[in-house]
Amino acid sequence: MHIHMTSRNISVTEDVYELLSRMKLEGESFSDAIKRLAGRRRLADCAGLWSDVSEEEMKAFQESVGGLRKSALESLRGNIVEGR
């Protein structure tokens, strides 16, 4: 089965091309990068997304993240001391 996808050429300034090129993930086409980036939400769109999470659940989440952060920092410090 062969799927033919049409394409269009667009013009962007050199600085926009460089920006998009830096934001593109390894192995990702420019079309895929544009799709991924255009699908991002604005911060305001995220307001209230966690409004149904109880205080108890939020506290557990924050403690979990704090523990992960502490472990990551300890690991990083260990790697620096060992010269890795």
Protein backbone atom coordinates (compact mmCIF):
# COMPACT_ATOMS: atom_id res chain seq x y z
CA MET A 1 0.00 0.00 0.00
CA HIS A 2 1.38 3.39 -0.97
CA ILE A 3 0.21 6.60 0.65
CA HIS A 4 0.91 9.76 -1.28
CA MET A 5 1.20 12.83 0.89
CA THR A 6 1.19 16.21 -0.72
CA SER A 7 3.74 18.74 0.35
CA ARG A 8 4.07 22.50 0.24
CA ASN A 9 7.09 24.71 0.32
CA ILE A 10 7.20 27.53 2.84
CA SER A 11 9.68 30.35 3.25
CA VAL A 12 11.18 31.18 6.62
CA THR A 13 13.91 33.60 7.54
CA GLU A 14 17.35 32.20 8.30
CA ASP A 15 16.98 32.84 12.04
CA VAL A 16 13.67 30.94 12.15
CA TYR A 17 15.25 28.06 10.21
CA GLU A 18 18.14 27.92 12.71
CA LEU A 19 15.74 28.05 15.66
CA LEU A 20 13.60 25.24 14.26
CA SER A 21 16.70 23.25 13.41
CA ARG A 22 17.89 23.47 17.04
CA MET A 23 14.44 22.52 18.38
CA LYS A 24 14.12 19.52 16.07
CA LEU A 25 14.70 16.18 17.79
CA GLU A 26 17.22 13.67 16.45
CA GLY A 27 15.70 11.79 13.51
CA GLU A 28 12.70 14.12 13.38
CA SER A 29 11.69 15.75 10.11
CA PHE A 30 10.96 19.46 9.98
CA SER A 31 7.29 18.62 9.40
CA ASP A 32 7.21 16.43 12.50
CA ALA A 33 8.97 19.11 14.53
CA ILE A 34 6.50 21.78 13.42
CA LYS A 35 3.57 19.48 14.26
CA ARG A 36 5.01 18.72 17.70
CA LEU A 37 5.79 22.34 18.49
CA ALA A 38 2.52 23.71 17.13
CA GLY A 39 0.62 21.28 19.36
CA ARG A 40 2.09 22.78 22.53
CA ARG A 41 -0.35 24.35 24.92
CA ARG A 42 -0.08 27.80 26.34
CA LEU A 43 0.56 27.93 30.07
CA ALA A 44 -2.88 29.49 30.57
CA ASP A 45 -4.45 26.42 28.91
CA CYS A 46 -3.05 24.30 31.75
CA ALA A 47 -4.77 26.26 34.53
CA GLY A 48 -6.98 23.99 36.58
CA LEU A 49 -5.76 20.71 35.08
CA TRP A 50 -4.95 19.35 38.54
CA SER A 51 -7.94 20.89 40.32
CA ASP A 52 -9.44 17.47 41.08
CA VAL A 53 -6.27 16.23 42.85
CA SER A 54 -6.73 16.08 46.61
CA GLU A 55 -4.34 17.84 48.99
CA GLU A 56 -3.19 14.42 50.21
CA GLU A 57 -2.40 13.26 46.66
CA MET A 58 -0.63 16.53 45.89
CA LYS A 59 1.48 16.27 49.05
CA ALA A 60 2.46 12.69 48.13
CA PHE A 61 3.37 13.84 44.62
CA GLN A 62 5.49 16.71 45.94
CA GLU A 63 7.29 14.38 48.36
CA SER A 64 7.96 11.93 45.55
CA VAL A 65 9.37 14.63 43.30
CA GLY A 66 11.47 15.92 46.20
CA GLY A 67 12.89 12.44 46.74
CA LEU A 68 13.73 12.08 43.06
CA ARG A 69 15.38 15.49 43.04
CA LYS A 70 17.45 14.60 46.10
CA SER A 71 18.56 11.29 44.53
CA ALA A 72 19.48 13.01 41.27
CA LEU A 73 21.55 15.65 43.09
CA GLU A 74 23.35 13.01 45.17
CA SER A 75 24.11 11.04 42.02
CA LEU A 76 25.37 14.16 40.26
CA ARG A 77 27.57 15.09 43.20
CA GLY A 78 28.96 11.53 43.27
CA ASN A 79 29.78 11.68 39.56
CA ILE A 80 31.54 15.03 40.00
CA VAL A 81 33.61 13.74 42.94
CA GLU A 82 34.53 10.59 40.98
CA GLY A 83 35.39 12.66 37.92
CA ARG A 84 32.77 11.16 35.59
